[in-house]
Amino acid sequence: MKETAKYFVVTQKAVPEVLLKVVEAKRLLESEKVLTIQEAVDAVGISRSSFYKYKDDIFQFHDSAQGTTITLTCQMDDEPGLLSDVLKIIAEYHANILTIHQSIPISGVASLSLSVQILQNTGDISRMIEQMENHQGVHHVKILAKE
């Protein structure tokens, strides 16, 4: 019986170091900073067998996101201009906002739900989310779904 693939979205801190090194080795190869797999694995400190074992099973989130829709949720303070700042970050990364819903603030905190389309020229989604999350007044940003 063939096993069906299951996918998970996890934060970087939950990923074993060897898998992160595989991603880095792949990045070095794609950027042409190194020419061979041996040079890439030597540069990041893993074996070739580890690279080959995991290379098809790990990738950065933005690498596979093009043409998809991501649903995000975030908690943020009820401050004038904060929603505009968050939307500006999304615009700077050239993502397309499809839907947006902000709840009525309770105790000075509002919930925001966004559906964002990832386009061919959209920047690094991980960095976009990190920048949103690091903005003053934003409590957290989470990916709810990827379609």
Protein backbone atom coordinates (compact mmCIF):
# COMPACT_ATOMS: atom_id res chain seq x y z
CA MET A 1 0.00 0.00 0.00
CA LYS A 2 1.38 3.40 -1.00
CA GLU A 3 1.80 5.90 1.84
CA THR A 4 0.22 9.29 1.15
CA ALA A 5 2.30 12.38 1.86
CA LYS A 6 1.37 14.49 4.84
CA TYR A 7 2.54 18.06 5.20
CA PHE A 8 3.11 20.14 8.29
CA VAL A 9 3.92 23.79 8.80
CA VAL A 10 6.32 24.20 11.71
CA THR A 11 8.49 27.04 12.93
CA GLN A 12 12.24 26.89 12.45
CA LYS A 13 12.89 26.19 16.13
CA ALA A 14 10.96 22.90 15.84
CA VAL A 15 13.05 21.60 12.92
CA PRO A 16 16.10 19.38 13.66
CA GLU A 17 19.45 20.99 12.86
CA VAL A 18 20.32 18.42 10.16
CA LEU A 19 17.21 19.40 8.18
CA LEU A 20 18.05 23.09 8.43
CA LYS A 21 21.52 22.29 7.13
CA VAL A 22 20.00 20.44 4.17
CA VAL A 23 17.96 23.56 3.34
CA GLU A 24 21.12 25.68 3.59
CA ALA A 25 23.04 23.28 1.34
CA LYS A 26 20.25 23.46 -1.25
CA ARG A 27 20.33 27.28 -1.04
CA LEU A 28 24.10 27.28 -1.65
CA LEU A 29 23.67 25.06 -4.70
CA GLU A 30 20.83 27.19 -6.11
CA SER A 31 22.78 30.41 -5.60
CA GLU A 32 25.74 28.80 -7.37
CA LYS A 33 28.05 29.78 -4.48
CA VAL A 34 29.17 26.16 -4.62
CA LEU A 35 29.20 23.93 -7.69
CA THR A 36 28.97 20.44 -6.26
CA ILE A 37 26.90 18.69 -3.63
CA GLN A 38 30.11 17.70 -1.85
CA GLU A 39 31.12 21.37 -1.55
CA ALA A 40 27.66 22.27 -0.25
CA VAL A 41 27.55 19.55 2.41
CA ASP A 42 31.12 20.32 3.49
CA ALA A 43 30.20 24.01 3.84
CA VAL A 44 27.23 23.28 6.14
CA GLY A 45 28.75 20.32 7.98
CA ILE A 46 26.56 17.36 7.02
CA SER A 47 27.18 14.11 5.15
CA ARG A 48 26.18 13.53 1.55
CA SER A 49 23.96 10.68 2.71
CA SER A 50 22.03 13.06 5.01
CA PHE A 51 21.64 15.50 2.13
CA TYR A 52 20.30 12.84 -0.24
CA LYS A 53 18.07 11.34 2.44
CA TYR A 54 16.21 14.61 3.13
CA LYS A 55 16.69 16.86 0.10
CA ASP A 56 13.27 16.11 -1.39
CA ASP A 57 11.43 16.32 1.92
CA ILE A 58 12.43 19.72 3.30
CA PHE A 59 12.16 23.15 1.72
CA GLN A 60 11.63 26.67 2.88
CA PHE A 61 7.99 27.64 3.02
CA HIS A 62 8.22 30.34 0.36
CA ASP A 63 9.84 27.92 -2.10
CA SER A 64 6.55 26.09 -2.62
CA ALA A 65 4.09 28.86 -1.94
CA GLN A 66 3.82 30.52 -5.37
CA GLY A 67 0.31 30.55 -6.76
CA THR A 68 -1.19 29.58 -3.44
CA THR A 69 -3.37 31.30 -0.89
CA ILE A 70 -2.28 31.57 2.71
CA THR A 71 -4.70 32.33 5.51
CA LEU A 72 -3.13 34.20 8.41
CA THR A 73 -4.45 35.22 11.78
CA CYS A 74 -2.96 37.73 14.15
CA GLN A 75 -3.69 39.47 17.41
CA MET A 76 -2.91 43.16 17.56
CA ASP A 77 -3.47 46.18 19.72
CA ASP A 78 -6.35 48.49 18.85
CA GLU A 79 -4.21 51.45 17.80
CA PRO A 80 -4.86 53.92 14.99
CA GLY A 81 -2.74 53.12 11.95
CA LEU A 82 -1.59 49.67 13.11
CA LEU A 83 -3.76 47.76 10.62
CA SER A 84 -2.51 50.06 7.87
CA ASP A 85 1.10 49.31 8.88
CA VAL A 86 0.47 45.55 8.73
CA LEU A 87 -1.16 45.83 5.31
CA LYS A 88 1.76 47.95 4.11
CA ILE A 89 4.18 45.16 5.05
CA ILE A 90 2.16 42.71 2.94
CA ALA A 91 2.16 45.19 0.05
CA GLU A 92 5.95 45.64 0.33
CA TYR A 93 6.36 41.89 -0.21
CA HIS A 94 4.09 42.06 -3.28
CA ALA A 95 1.49 39.64 -1.93
CA ASN A 96 -2.14 40.11 -2.93
CA ILE A 97 -4.71 40.49 -0.13
CA LEU A 98 -7.85 38.55 -1.07
CA THR A 99 -9.88 38.86 2.13
CA ILE A 100 -9.52 40.74 5.37
CA HIS A 101 -11.56 40.66 8.54
CA GLN A 102 -10.87 42.48 11.78
CA SER A 103 -12.89 41.69 14.88
CA ILE A 104 -14.26 44.27 17.24
CA PRO A 105 -11.48 44.90 19.79
CA ILE A 106 -11.94 43.35 23.23
CA SER A 107 -9.82 44.78 26.04
CA GLY A 108 -7.84 46.78 23.49
CA VAL A 109 -6.88 43.77 21.35
CA ALA A 110 -8.34 42.88 17.94
CA SER A 111 -8.11 39.68 15.92
CA LEU A 112 -7.25 39.97 12.25
CA SER A 113 -7.82 37.28 9.63
CA LEU A 114 -6.25 37.65 6.18
CA SER A 115 -6.21 35.56 3.03
CA VAL A 116 -3.14 36.41 1.00
CA GLN A 117 -2.34 35.23 -2.52
CA ILE A 118 1.32 34.47 -3.16
CA LEU A 119 2.34 35.74 -6.58
CA GLN A 120 5.41 35.02 -8.71
CA ASN A 121 7.10 38.23 -7.54
CA THR A 122 6.11 37.86 -3.87
CA GLY A 123 9.07 38.06 -1.52
CA ASP A 124 10.06 35.64 1.23
CA ILE A 125 6.85 34.81 3.12
CA SER A 126 8.72 33.75 6.24
CA ARG A 127 10.38 37.16 6.43
CA MET A 128 7.09 38.93 5.74
CA ILE A 129 5.43 37.13 8.66
CA GLU A 130 8.44 37.79 10.87
CA GLN A 131 8.35 41.50 10.01
CA MET A 132 4.62 41.63 10.76
CA GLU A 133 5.13 39.83 14.07
CA ASN A 134 8.00 42.14 15.09
CA HIS A 135 5.94 45.28 14.45
CA GLN A 136 5.10 47.13 17.66
CA GLY A 137 1.51 46.38 18.70
CA VAL A 138 1.29 43.00 16.93
CA HIS A 139 1.15 40.15 19.45
CA HIS A 140 1.54 37.19 17.08
CA VAL A 141 0.97 36.06 13.50
CA LYS A 142 0.12 32.45 12.65
CA ILE A 143 -0.47 30.59 9.42
CA LEU A 144 -3.86 28.87 9.60
CA ALA A 145 -3.93 27.32 6.15
CA LYS A 146 -2.20 27.07 2.80
CA GLU A 147 -4.24 26.17 -0.29
